C-alpha atoms as a PDB file:
ATOM      1  CA  MET A   1     108.134  96.321  80.202  1.00  0.00           C
ATOM      2  CA  SER A   2     105.235  97.309  82.523  1.00  0.00           C
ATOM      3  CA  VAL A   3     105.180 100.587  83.869  1.00  0.00           C
ATOM      4  CA  ALA A   4     103.070 101.955  86.634  1.00  0.00           C
ATOM      5  CA  MET A   5     102.373 105.232  88.510  1.00  0.00           C
ATOM      6  CA  VAL A   6     101.807 106.042  92.053  1.00  0.00           C
ATOM      7  CA  TYR A   7     100.324 109.003  93.640  1.00  0.00           C
ATOM      8  CA  THR A   8      97.204 109.969  95.577  1.00  0.00           C
ATOM      9  CA  ALA A   9      94.351 112.198  94.252  1.00  0.00           C
ATOM     10  CA  GLU A  10      93.117 113.011  97.889  1.00  0.00           C
ATOM     11  CA  ILE A  11      94.158 116.353  97.619  1.00  0.00           C
ATOM     12  CA  ARG A  12      93.379 116.930  93.964  1.00  0.00           C
ATOM     13  CA  ASN A  13      93.720 115.223  90.590  1.00  0.00           C
ATOM     14  CA  ASN A  14      94.867 118.072  88.500  1.00  0.00           C
ATOM     15  CA  GLY A  15      98.461 118.398  89.225  1.00  0.00           C
ATOM     16  CA  THR A  16     101.829 117.254  88.044  1.00  0.00           C
ATOM     17  CA  ALA A  17     101.376 113.758  88.538  1.00  0.00           C
ATOM     18  CA  ALA A  18      98.076 113.764  86.454  1.00  0.00           C
ATOM     19  CA  LEU A  19      99.932 115.521  83.654  1.00  0.00           C
ATOM     20  CA  CYS A  20     102.691 113.287  83.835  1.00  0.00           C
ATOM     21  CA  ARG A  21     100.368 109.996  83.434  1.00  0.00           C
ATOM     22  CA  ASP A  22      98.634 111.692  80.490  1.00  0.00           C
ATOM     23  CA  ALA A  23     101.764 112.485  78.585  1.00  0.00           C
ATOM     24  CA  LEU A  24     103.047 108.836  79.420  1.00  0.00           C
ATOM     25  CA  ILE A  25      99.892 107.689  77.666  1.00  0.00           C
ATOM     26  CA  ARG A  26      99.004 110.365  75.105  1.00  0.00           C
ATOM     27  CA  ASP A  27     102.614 111.255  73.907  1.00  0.00           C
ATOM     28  CA  LEU A  28     104.746 108.332  74.876  1.00  0.00           C
ATOM     29  CA  GLY A  29     102.303 105.662  73.648  1.00  0.00           C
ATOM     30  CA  ILE A  30     102.097 103.495  77.022  1.00  0.00           C
ATOM     31  CA  LYS A  31      98.513 102.474  76.599  1.00  0.00           C
ATOM     32  CA  ASP A  32      98.205 100.201  79.714  1.00  0.00           C
ATOM     33  CA  LEU A  33      99.388 102.443  82.538  1.00  0.00           C
ATOM     34  CA  PRO A  34      97.661 101.624  85.957  1.00  0.00           C
ATOM     35  CA  ARG A  35      97.747 104.403  88.505  1.00  0.00           C
ATOM     36  CA  TYR A  36      97.984 103.294  92.256  1.00  0.00           C
ATOM     37  CA  GLU A  37      97.240 104.957  95.572  1.00  0.00           C
ATOM     38  CA  PRO A  38     100.334 104.933  97.817  1.00  0.00           C
ATOM     39  CA  ARG A  39      98.996 102.021 100.011  1.00  0.00           C
ATOM     40  CA  GLY A  40      98.868  98.491 100.507  1.00  0.00           C
ATOM     41  CA  GLU A  41     100.415  95.750  98.372  1.00  0.00           C
ATOM     42  CA  LEU A  42     100.919  96.459  94.638  1.00  0.00           C
ATOM     43  CA  PRO A  43     100.955  94.171  91.858  1.00  0.00           C
ATOM     44  CA  GLU A  44     104.416  93.507  90.284  1.00  0.00           C
ATOM     45  CA  HIS A  45     105.559  95.993  87.416  1.00  0.00           C
ATOM     46  CA  ASP A  46     109.058  96.700  85.974  1.00  0.00           C
ATOM     47  CA  LEU A  47     108.902 100.404  87.139  1.00  0.00           C
ATOM     48  CA  TYR A  48     106.914 102.396  89.722  1.00  0.00           C
ATOM     49  CA  ILE A  49     107.126 106.134  89.121  1.00  0.00           C
ATOM     50  CA  TYR A  50     105.972 107.926  92.226  1.00  0.00           C
ATOM     51  CA  VAL A  51     104.972 111.536  91.820  1.00  0.00           C
ATOM     52  CA  ASP A  52     104.871 113.935  94.776  1.00  0.00           C
ATOM     53  CA  ASP A  53     101.259 114.689  95.468  1.00  0.00           C
ATOM     54  CA  GLY A  54     101.370 117.213  98.094  1.00  0.00           C
ATOM     55  CA  ILE A  55     100.796 114.950 101.348  1.00  0.00           C
ATOM     56  CA  ASP A  56     103.737 115.192 103.806  1.00  0.00           C
ATOM     57  CA  ASN A  57     102.677 112.003 105.961  1.00  0.00           C
ATOM     58  CA  VAL A  58     102.476 108.929 103.886  1.00  0.00           C
ATOM     59  CA  GLU A  59     104.802 106.387 105.464  1.00  0.00           C
ATOM     60  CA  TRP A  60     104.055 103.402 102.680  1.00  0.00           C
ATOM     61  CA  GLU A  61     107.355 102.621 100.952  1.00  0.00           C
ATOM     62  CA  CYS A  62     107.134 102.078  97.197  1.00  0.00           C
ATOM     63  CA  PRO A  63     108.183  98.638  95.591  1.00  0.00           C
ATOM     64  CA  ARG A  64     111.093  98.604  93.634  1.00  0.00           C
ATOM     65  CA  PRO A  65     112.313  99.272  90.976  1.00  0.00           C
ATOM     66  CA  ASN A  66     111.261 102.801  91.381  1.00  0.00           C
ATOM     67  CA  ALA A  67     111.602 106.304  90.643  1.00  0.00           C
ATOM     68  CA  TYR A  68     110.553 109.557  92.663  1.00  0.00           C
ATOM     69  CA  TRP A  69     109.930 113.017  91.528  1.00  0.00           C
ATOM     70  CA  ALA A  70     109.877 115.323  94.469  1.00  0.00           C
ATOM     71  CA  ILE A  71     107.916 118.254  93.232  1.00  0.00           C
ATOM     72  CA  ASP A  72     107.668 120.861  96.571  1.00  0.00           C
ATOM     73  CA  THR A  73     111.025 120.655  97.970  1.00  0.00           C
ATOM     74  CA  HIS A  74     110.852 124.309  98.616  1.00  0.00           C
ATOM     75  CA  LEU A  75     107.820 123.838 100.849  1.00  0.00           C
ATOM     76  CA  GLY A  76     108.581 120.581 102.670  1.00  0.00           C
ATOM     77  CA  PHE A  77     112.130 119.621 102.417  1.00  0.00           C
ATOM     78  CA  ASP A  78     112.697 117.044 105.313  1.00  0.00           C
ATOM     79  CA  TYR A  79     109.902 114.907 104.583  1.00  0.00           C
ATOM     80  CA  ARG A  80     110.827 114.446 100.935  1.00  0.00           C
ATOM     81  CA  CYS A  81     114.526 114.052 101.448  1.00  0.00           C
ATOM     82  CA  GLN A  82     113.749 111.203 103.905  1.00  0.00           C
ATOM     83  CA  LYS A  83     111.241 109.820 101.331  1.00  0.00           C
ATOM     84  CA  ALA A  84     113.634 109.848  98.631  1.00  0.00           C
ATOM     85  CA  LYS A  85     116.036 107.663 100.409  1.00  0.00           C
ATOM     86  CA  GLN A  86     113.659 104.972  99.477  1.00  0.00           C
ATOM     87  CA  PHE A  87     114.022 105.168  95.753  1.00  0.00           C
ATOM     88  CA  ASP A  88     116.348 103.803  93.048  1.00  0.00           C
ATOM     89  CA  HIS A  89     116.210 107.135  90.970  1.00  0.00           C
ATOM     90  CA  VAL A  90     115.045 110.594  92.552  1.00  0.00           C
ATOM     91  CA  PHE A  91     114.238 113.802  90.663  1.00  0.00           C
ATOM     92  CA  CYS A  92     113.607 117.343  92.263  1.00  0.00           C
ATOM     93  CA  ALA A  93     111.647 120.021  90.285  1.00  0.00           C
ATOM     94  CA  GLN A  94     113.635 122.551  92.634  1.00  0.00           C
ATOM     95  CA  ARG A  95     117.371 122.845  91.709  1.00  0.00           C
ATOM     96  CA  GLU A  96     118.237 123.733  95.268  1.00  0.00           C
ATOM     97  CA  GLY A  97     116.033 120.889  96.325  1.00  0.00           C
ATOM     98  CA  ALA A  98     118.235 118.171  94.432  1.00  0.00           C
ATOM     99  CA  GLU A  99     121.337 119.881  95.731  1.00  0.00           C
ATOM    100  CA  GLU A 100     120.328 119.775  99.321  1.00  0.00           C
ATOM    101  CA  MET A 101     119.382 116.133  98.955  1.00  0.00           C
ATOM    102  CA  ARG A 102     122.857 115.239  97.483  1.00  0.00           C
ATOM    103  CA  ARG A 103     124.548 117.231 100.663  1.00  0.00           C
ATOM    104  CA  ASN A 104     122.188 114.791 102.744  1.00  0.00           C
ATOM    105  CA  GLY A 105     123.446 111.694 101.256  1.00  0.00           C
ATOM    106  CA  VAL A 106     120.771 111.128  98.711  1.00  0.00           C
ATOM    107  CA  LEU A 107     123.417 111.089  95.861  1.00  0.00           C
ATOM    108  CA  GLN A 108     121.324 109.954  93.070  1.00  0.00           C
ATOM    109  CA  ALA A 109     119.175 113.148  93.372  1.00  0.00           C
ATOM    110  CA  GLU A 110     119.246 115.175  90.242  1.00  0.00           C
ATOM    111  CA  TRP A 111     117.303 118.275  89.037  1.00  0.00           C
ATOM    112  CA  MET A 112     114.391 117.757  86.632  1.00  0.00           C
ATOM    113  CA  PRO A 113     112.404 121.028  86.349  1.00  0.00           C
ATOM    114  CA  LEU A 114     108.737 121.460  85.896  1.00  0.00           C
ATOM    115  CA  ALA A 115     107.163 121.762  82.315  1.00  0.00           C
ATOM    116  CA  CYS A 116     104.016 122.282  80.433  1.00  0.00           C
ATOM    117  CA  HIS A 117     101.677 119.837  78.878  1.00  0.00           C
ATOM    118  CA  PRO A 118     100.206 121.069  75.304  1.00  0.00           C
ATOM    119  CA  ALA A 119      96.779 119.056  75.793  1.00  0.00           C
ATOM    120  CA  ALA A 120      96.312 120.796  79.113  1.00  0.00           C
ATOM    121  CA  ASN A 121      97.772 124.433  78.252  1.00  0.00           C
ATOM    122  CA  PRO A 122      96.821 124.835  74.529  1.00  0.00           C
ATOM    123  CA  CYS A 123      97.421 128.003  72.713  1.00  0.00           C
ATOM    124  CA  MET A 124      94.608 129.849  70.951  1.00  0.00           C
ATOM    125  CA  ARG A 125      95.457 128.424  67.696  1.00  0.00           C
ATOM    126  CA  GLU A 126      94.686 124.970  69.308  1.00  0.00           C
ATOM    127  CA  LEU A 127      91.575 126.230  71.235  1.00  0.00           C
ATOM    128  CA  VAL A 128      89.810 127.324  68.019  1.00  0.00           C
ATOM    129  CA  VAL A 129      89.676 123.581  66.927  1.00  0.00           C
ATOM    130  CA  HIS A 130      89.150 122.087  70.533  1.00  0.00           C
ATOM    131  CA  GLU A 131      86.768 119.596  70.730  1.00  0.00           C
ATOM    132  CA  ASP A 132      85.222 121.772  73.567  1.00  0.00           C
ATOM    133  CA  ARG A 133      85.395 124.775  71.760  1.00  0.00           C
ATOM    134  CA  ASP A 134      82.018 126.236  72.026  1.00  0.00           C
ATOM    135  CA  ARG A 135      82.253 126.029  75.726  1.00  0.00           C
ATOM    136  CA  LEU A 136      85.877 127.298  76.154  1.00  0.00           C
ATOM    137  CA  LEU A 137      85.499 130.302  73.822  1.00  0.00           C
ATOM    138  CA  ALA A 138      81.988 131.072  74.744  1.00  0.00           C
ATOM    139  CA  HIS A 139      83.126 134.607  75.419  1.00  0.00           C
ATOM    140  CA  GLY A 140      85.225 135.092  72.423  1.00  0.00           C
ATOM    141  CA  SER A 141      88.809 134.518  71.336  1.00  0.00           C
ATOM    142  CA  ASP A 142      90.218 137.920  71.246  1.00  0.00           C
ATOM    143  CA  LYS A 143      92.866 139.483  73.538  1.00  0.00           C
ATOM    144  CA  ALA A 144      90.373 140.881  76.037  1.00  0.00           C
ATOM    145  CA  TRP A 145      92.508 141.435  79.129  1.00  0.00           C
ATOM    146  CA  ASP A 146      95.772 143.470  79.554  1.00  0.00           C
ATOM    147  CA  VAL A 147      96.860 141.221  82.474  1.00  0.00           C
ATOM    148  CA  VAL A 148      96.056 137.437  83.593  1.00  0.00           C
ATOM    149  CA  PHE A 149      96.709 135.697  86.743  1.00  0.00           C
ATOM    150  CA  VAL A 150      95.449 132.015  87.509  1.00  0.00           C
ATOM    151  CA  GLY A 151      96.604 130.398  90.914  1.00  0.00           C
ATOM    152  CA  PHE A 152      96.400 130.318  94.363  1.00  0.00           C
ATOM    153  CA  LEU A 153      96.507 133.415  96.737  1.00  0.00           C
ATOM    154  CA  ASN A 154      99.768 132.388  98.634  1.00  0.00           C
ATOM    155  CA  ASP A 155     101.147 134.813 101.287  1.00  0.00           C
ATOM    156  CA  VAL A 156     103.654 132.602 102.859  1.00  0.00           C
ATOM    157  CA  GLU A 157     105.014 133.813 105.833  1.00  0.00           C
ATOM    158  CA  GLY A 158     108.319 135.205 106.083  1.00  0.00           C
ATOM    159  CA  ASP A 159     108.437 134.923 102.052  1.00  0.00           C
ATOM    160  CA  GLY A 160     109.098 138.607 101.891  1.00  0.00           C
ATOM    161  CA  PHE A 161     109.647 139.539  98.286  1.00  0.00           C
ATOM    162  CA  ASN A 162     107.208 136.870  96.650  1.00  0.00           C
ATOM    163  CA  SER A 163     104.094 137.456  98.700  1.00  0.00           C
ATOM    164  CA  ARG A 164     101.337 136.986  96.077  1.00  0.00           C
ATOM    165  CA  LEU A 165      98.847 139.201  97.595  1.00  0.00           C
ATOM    166  CA  ASP A 166     100.982 142.268  97.719  1.00  0.00           C
ATOM    167  CA  TYR A 167     101.905 141.650  93.965  1.00  0.00           C
ATOM    168  CA  LEU A 168      98.273 141.203  92.980  1.00  0.00           C
ATOM    169  CA  HIS A 169      96.819 144.090  95.027  1.00  0.00           C
ATOM    170  CA  GLU A 170      99.277 146.373  93.215  1.00  0.00           C
ATOM    171  CA  MET A 171      98.468 144.919  89.899  1.00  0.00           C
ATOM    172  CA  CYS A 172      94.686 145.372  90.278  1.00  0.00           C
ATOM    173  CA  GLU A 173      95.095 148.776  91.439  1.00  0.00           C
ATOM    174  CA  ALA A 174      97.577 149.756  88.620  1.00  0.00           C
ATOM    175  CA  PHE A 175      95.840 147.684  85.781  1.00  0.00           C
ATOM    176  CA  PRO A 176      92.073 147.721  85.937  1.00  0.00           C
ATOM    177  CA  SER A 177      91.698 145.111  82.855  1.00  0.00           C
ATOM    178  CA  PHE A 178      93.016 142.527  85.087  1.00  0.00           C
ATOM    179  CA  TRP A 179      91.745 138.905  84.992  1.00  0.00           C
ATOM    180  CA  LEU A 180      92.417 136.809  88.274  1.00  0.00           C
ATOM    181  CA  THR A 181      91.202 133.556  88.662  1.00  0.00           C
ATOM    182  CA  THR A 182      91.525 130.705  91.168  1.00  0.00           C
ATOM    183  CA  ASN A 183      90.785 127.068  91.144  1.00  0.00           C
ATOM    184  CA  CYS A 184      90.939 126.864  87.507  1.00  0.00           C
ATOM    185  CA  PHE A 185      92.889 124.237  85.812  1.00  0.00           C
ATOM    186  CA  PHE A 186      93.898 122.585  82.414  1.00  0.00           C
ATOM    187  CA  GLU A 187      92.326 124.004  79.406  1.00  0.00           C
ATOM    188  CA  ASP A 188      90.050 126.437  81.207  1.00  0.00           C
ATOM    189  CA  MET A 189      93.152 127.791  82.790  1.00  0.00           C
ATOM    190  CA  ALA A 190      94.719 128.043  79.249  1.00  0.00           C
ATOM    191  CA  VAL A 191      91.806 130.067  77.644  1.00  0.00           C
ATOM    192  CA  ARG A 192      92.110 132.731  80.189  1.00  0.00           C
ATOM    193  CA  TYR A 193      95.989 133.017  79.534  1.00  0.00           C
ATOM    194  CA  ALA A 194      95.559 132.884  75.884  1.00  0.00           C
ATOM    195  CA  ARG A 195      93.128 135.924  75.976  1.00  0.00           C
ATOM    196  CA  GLY A 196      95.345 138.029  77.887  1.00  0.00           C
ATOM    197  CA  ARG A 197      98.134 140.250  76.767  1.00  0.00           C
ATOM    198  CA  VAL A 198     100.392 139.585  79.572  1.00  0.00           C
ATOM    199  CA  GLY A 199     100.243 136.386  81.720  1.00  0.00           C
ATOM    200  CA  MET A 200     101.564 136.750  85.011  1.00  0.00           C
ATOM    201  CA  ASN A 201     103.944 134.722  87.368  1.00  0.00           C
ATOM    202  CA  ILE A 202     104.565 135.423  90.958  1.00  0.00           C
ATOM    203  CA  SER A 203     106.797 132.364  92.076  1.00  0.00           C
ATOM    204  CA  ILE A 204     106.780 131.489  95.654  1.00  0.00           C
ATOM    205  CA  ARG A 205     110.359 131.116  97.423  1.00  0.00           C
ATOM    206  CA  ASP A 206     112.137 131.217  94.052  1.00  0.00           C
ATOM    207  CA  ASP A 207     110.472 128.185  92.497  1.00  0.00           C
ATOM    208  CA  LEU A 208     110.746 127.617  88.980  1.00  0.00           C
ATOM    209  CA  ASN A 209     107.098 126.779  88.915  1.00  0.00           C
ATOM    210  CA  MET A 210     104.466 125.029  86.666  1.00  0.00           C
ATOM    211  CA  ARG A 211     103.077 128.577  85.792  1.00  0.00           C
ATOM    212  CA  PHE A 212     106.436 129.525  84.277  1.00  0.00           C
ATOM    213  CA  PHE A 213     106.109 127.101  81.582  1.00  0.00           C
ATOM    214  CA  GLU A 214     102.497 126.755  81.191  1.00  0.00           C
ATOM    215  CA  VAL A 215     101.826 130.621  80.408  1.00  0.00           C
ATOM    216  CA  MET A 216     104.612 130.168  77.613  1.00  0.00           C
ATOM    217  CA  SER A 217     102.459 127.009  76.490  1.00  0.00           C
ATOM    218  CA  THR A 218      99.384 129.092  75.856  1.00  0.00           C
ATOM    219  CA  GLY A 219     101.263 131.725  73.638  1.00  0.00           C
ATOM    220  CA  THR A 220     100.822 134.494  75.822  1.00  0.00           C
ATOM    221  CA  CYS A 221     103.672 136.973  77.012  1.00  0.00           C
ATOM    222  CA  LEU A 222     105.047 135.716  80.384  1.00  0.00           C
ATOM    223  CA  VAL A 223     106.103 138.386  82.926  1.00  0.00           C
ATOM    224  CA  THR A 224     107.660 136.674  86.015  1.00  0.00           C
ATOM    225  CA  ASN A 225     109.839 137.504  88.995  1.00  0.00           C
ATOM    226  CA  ARG A 226     113.390 136.973  87.409  1.00  0.00           C
ATOM    227  CA  ASP A 227     114.734 135.203  90.462  1.00  0.00           C
ATOM    228  CA  VAL A 228     113.283 132.033  89.994  1.00  0.00           C
ATOM    229  CA  ASP A 229     115.982 129.357  90.220  1.00  0.00           C
ATOM    230  CA  GLY A 230     117.092 127.559  87.015  1.00  0.00           C
ATOM    231  CA  TRP A 231     115.654 129.254  83.978  1.00  0.00           C
ATOM    232  CA  ASP A 232     118.974 130.556  82.472  1.00  0.00           C
ATOM    233  CA  ALA A 233     120.304 126.869  82.672  1.00  0.00           C
ATOM    234  CA  LEU A 234     117.233 125.614  80.489  1.00  0.00           C
ATOM    235  CA  GLY A 235     118.008 127.990  77.473  1.00  0.00           C
ATOM    236  CA  PHE A 236     115.617 130.675  78.537  1.00  0.00           C
ATOM    237  CA  GLU A 237     116.649 134.381  77.958  1.00  0.00           C
ATOM    238  CA  GLU A 238     115.107 137.404  79.637  1.00  0.00           C
ATOM    239  CA  GLY A 239     113.901 139.631  76.946  1.00  0.00           C
ATOM    240  CA  LYS A 240     113.739 136.978  74.418  1.00  0.00           C
ATOM    241  CA  HIS A 241     111.457 134.241  75.977  1.00  0.00           C
ATOM    242  CA  PHE A 242     109.755 136.041  78.811  1.00  0.00           C
ATOM    243  CA  VAL A 243     109.922 139.637  80.395  1.00  0.00           C
ATOM    244  CA  GLY A 244     111.414 139.812  84.066  1.00  0.00           C
ATOM    245  CA  PHE A 245     110.951 141.791  87.209  1.00  0.00           C
ATOM    246  CA  GLN A 246     112.102 142.309  90.655  1.00  0.00           C
ATOM    247  CA  GLY A 247     109.897 144.237  92.914  1.00  0.00           C
ATOM    248  CA  ILE A 248     106.703 145.928  92.672  1.00  0.00           C
ATOM    249  CA  ALA A 249     107.725 149.008  90.929  1.00  0.00           C
ATOM    250  CA  GLU A 250     109.599 147.156  88.259  1.00  0.00           C
ATOM    251  CA  MET A 251     106.696 144.462  87.811  1.00  0.00           C
ATOM    252  CA  LYS A 252     104.429 147.540  86.853  1.00  0.00           C
ATOM    253  CA  GLU A 253     106.921 149.193  84.666  1.00  0.00           C
ATOM    254  CA  LYS A 254     107.496 146.102  82.672  1.00  0.00           C
ATOM    255  CA  ILE A 255     103.623 145.055  82.654  1.00  0.00           C
ATOM    256  CA  GLN A 256     103.213 148.678  81.038  1.00  0.00           C
ATOM    257  CA  TRP A 257     106.217 148.179  78.301  1.00  0.00           C
ATOM    258  CA  CYS A 258     104.409 145.211  77.488  1.00  0.00           C
ATOM    259  CA  LEU A 259     101.104 146.724  76.613  1.00  0.00           C
ATOM    260  CA  ASP A 260     102.860 149.709  75.130  1.00  0.00           C
ATOM    261  CA  ASN A 261     104.878 147.506  72.714  1.00  0.00           C
ATOM    262  CA  PRO A 262     102.702 144.894  71.424  1.00  0.00           C
ATOM    263  CA  GLY A 263     104.676 144.170  68.627  1.00  0.00           C
ATOM    264  CA  GLU A 264     107.714 143.325  70.704  1.00  0.00           C
ATOM    265  CA  ARG A 265     105.685 141.531  73.279  1.00  0.00           C
ATOM    266  CA  GLU A 266     104.095 139.314  70.669  1.00  0.00           C
ATOM    267  CA  ASP A 267     107.661 138.361  69.545  1.00  0.00           C
ATOM    268  CA  ILE A 268     108.516 137.360  72.792  1.00  0.00           C
ATOM    269  CA  ALA A 269     105.500 135.326  73.622  1.00  0.00           C
ATOM    270  CA  ASP A 270     106.225 133.444  70.418  1.00  0.00           C
ATOM    271  CA  ALA A 271     109.737 132.735  71.176  1.00  0.00           C
ATOM    272  CA  GLY A 272     108.783 131.496  74.613  1.00  0.00           C
ATOM    273  CA  HIS A 273     105.976 129.384  73.136  1.00  0.00           C
ATOM    274  CA  GLU A 274     108.304 127.815  70.598  1.00  0.00           C
ATOM    275  CA  LEU A 275     111.219 127.015  73.239  1.00  0.00           C
ATOM    276  CA  VAL A 276     108.911 125.408  75.803  1.00  0.00           C
ATOM    277  CA  ARG A 277     106.925 123.106  73.434  1.00  0.00           C
ATOM    278  CA  ALA A 278     110.342 122.291  71.951  1.00  0.00           C
ATOM    279  CA  HIS A 279     112.210 121.186  75.076  1.00  0.00           C
ATOM    280  CA  HIS A 280     109.907 121.696  78.192  1.00  0.00           C
ATOM    281  CA  THR A 281     107.059 119.309  78.224  1.00  0.00           C
ATOM    282  CA  TYR A 282     105.937 116.511  80.450  1.00  0.00           C
ATOM    283  CA  ALA A 283     106.468 114.232  77.370  1.00  0.00           C
ATOM    284  CA  HIS A 284     110.067 115.453  77.733  1.00  0.00           C
ATOM    285  CA  ARG A 285     110.262 114.941  81.353  1.00  0.00           C
ATOM    286  CA  MET A 286     108.907 111.490  81.402  1.00  0.00           C
ATOM    287  CA  GLN A 287     111.014 110.452  78.650  1.00  0.00           C
ATOM    288  CA  HIS A 288     114.013 111.568  80.424  1.00  0.00           C
ATOM    289  CA  VAL A 289     112.795 109.304  83.557  1.00  0.00           C
ATOM    290  CA  LEU A 290     112.239 106.509  81.441  1.00  0.00           C
ATOM    291  CA  ASP A 291     115.719 106.854  79.740  1.00  0.00           C
ATOM    292  CA  ILE A 292     117.500 107.040  83.329  1.00  0.00           C
ATOM    293  CA  CYS A 293     115.321 104.092  84.477  1.00  0.00           C
ATOM    294  CA  GLY A 294     116.442 101.894  81.365  1.00  0.00           C
ATOM    295  CA  VAL A 295     112.836 101.467  80.151  1.00  0.00           C
ATOM    296  CA  GLU A 296     112.080 101.384  76.441  1.00  0.00           C
ATOM    297  CA  ILE A 297     108.632 101.754  75.239  1.00  0.00           C
ATOM    298  CA  PRO A 298     107.903  98.773  72.682  1.00  0.00           C
ATOM    299  CA  GLN A 299     106.918 100.380  69.332  1.00  0.00           C
ATOM    300  CA  ASP A 300     103.408  99.942  68.005  1.00  0.00           C
ATOM    301  CA  ASP A 301     103.712  97.841  65.014  1.00  0.00           C
ATOM    302  CA  SER A 302     100.023  96.943  64.433  1.00  0.00           C
ATOM    303  CA  SER A 303      99.771  99.009  61.249  1.00  0.00           C
ATOM    304  CA  SER A 304     102.653  97.260  59.490  1.00  0.00           C
END
């Protein structure tokens, strides 16, 4: 069967959609996987997978049969809910987003959380044999930093608890060995986390975000606000797979605990890494989409 992906790269080409496409090609073996911009008339395919792309004003309607993965319902629900009504199958990265869509008449909406992509989120064991090792590890491969955060410096108005700027300011004050980086993606992001003792996540509006999975994929102990929605339903256990906190005071307390207890910290990092790689990659998510849509990938028997 012929599968195509639809998303725009006008904002960036390093988000969820790009990782989904790579997983379909690299891990699931779809060798011929065209990617189209959401405009104009498209060639005919058996399935179009449309992944949210961060733009809230695309009026173009995707041809059918189709599937839609709405990534940011927590930041722009109304547009995505209206968009979802154009699709045969609808997936939402936020559990509350899926529930709200069903309450608004999109009965086919289901929760499908974000994930990691091992090729883009390698651990140190993979980085030391990476084809770009000399560049990625030019400054070493040891655990050089106590705390690492890679991401946007969001300060969402009205968000209260999860204002990243407040939390990052407190972290920098309390832990001088702190590596903060913005606009850094894929392996360049992974090496920063892999060289840290603690990988921080400060989620916006309770979103079970990409970083939750990506930090664990790099093999570093994740410290995250525990009120992100849905981790317990995915098999994660606080204290076993990640370290949770609520509020600035507990955040600093838990980071310090991780630094004071390296053995326990690395056990948590290993358990999180094992679970996220076993069940929560973009290959797992895309296989689920194909299964729901009734698409079977032909097996390559060229070697037989």
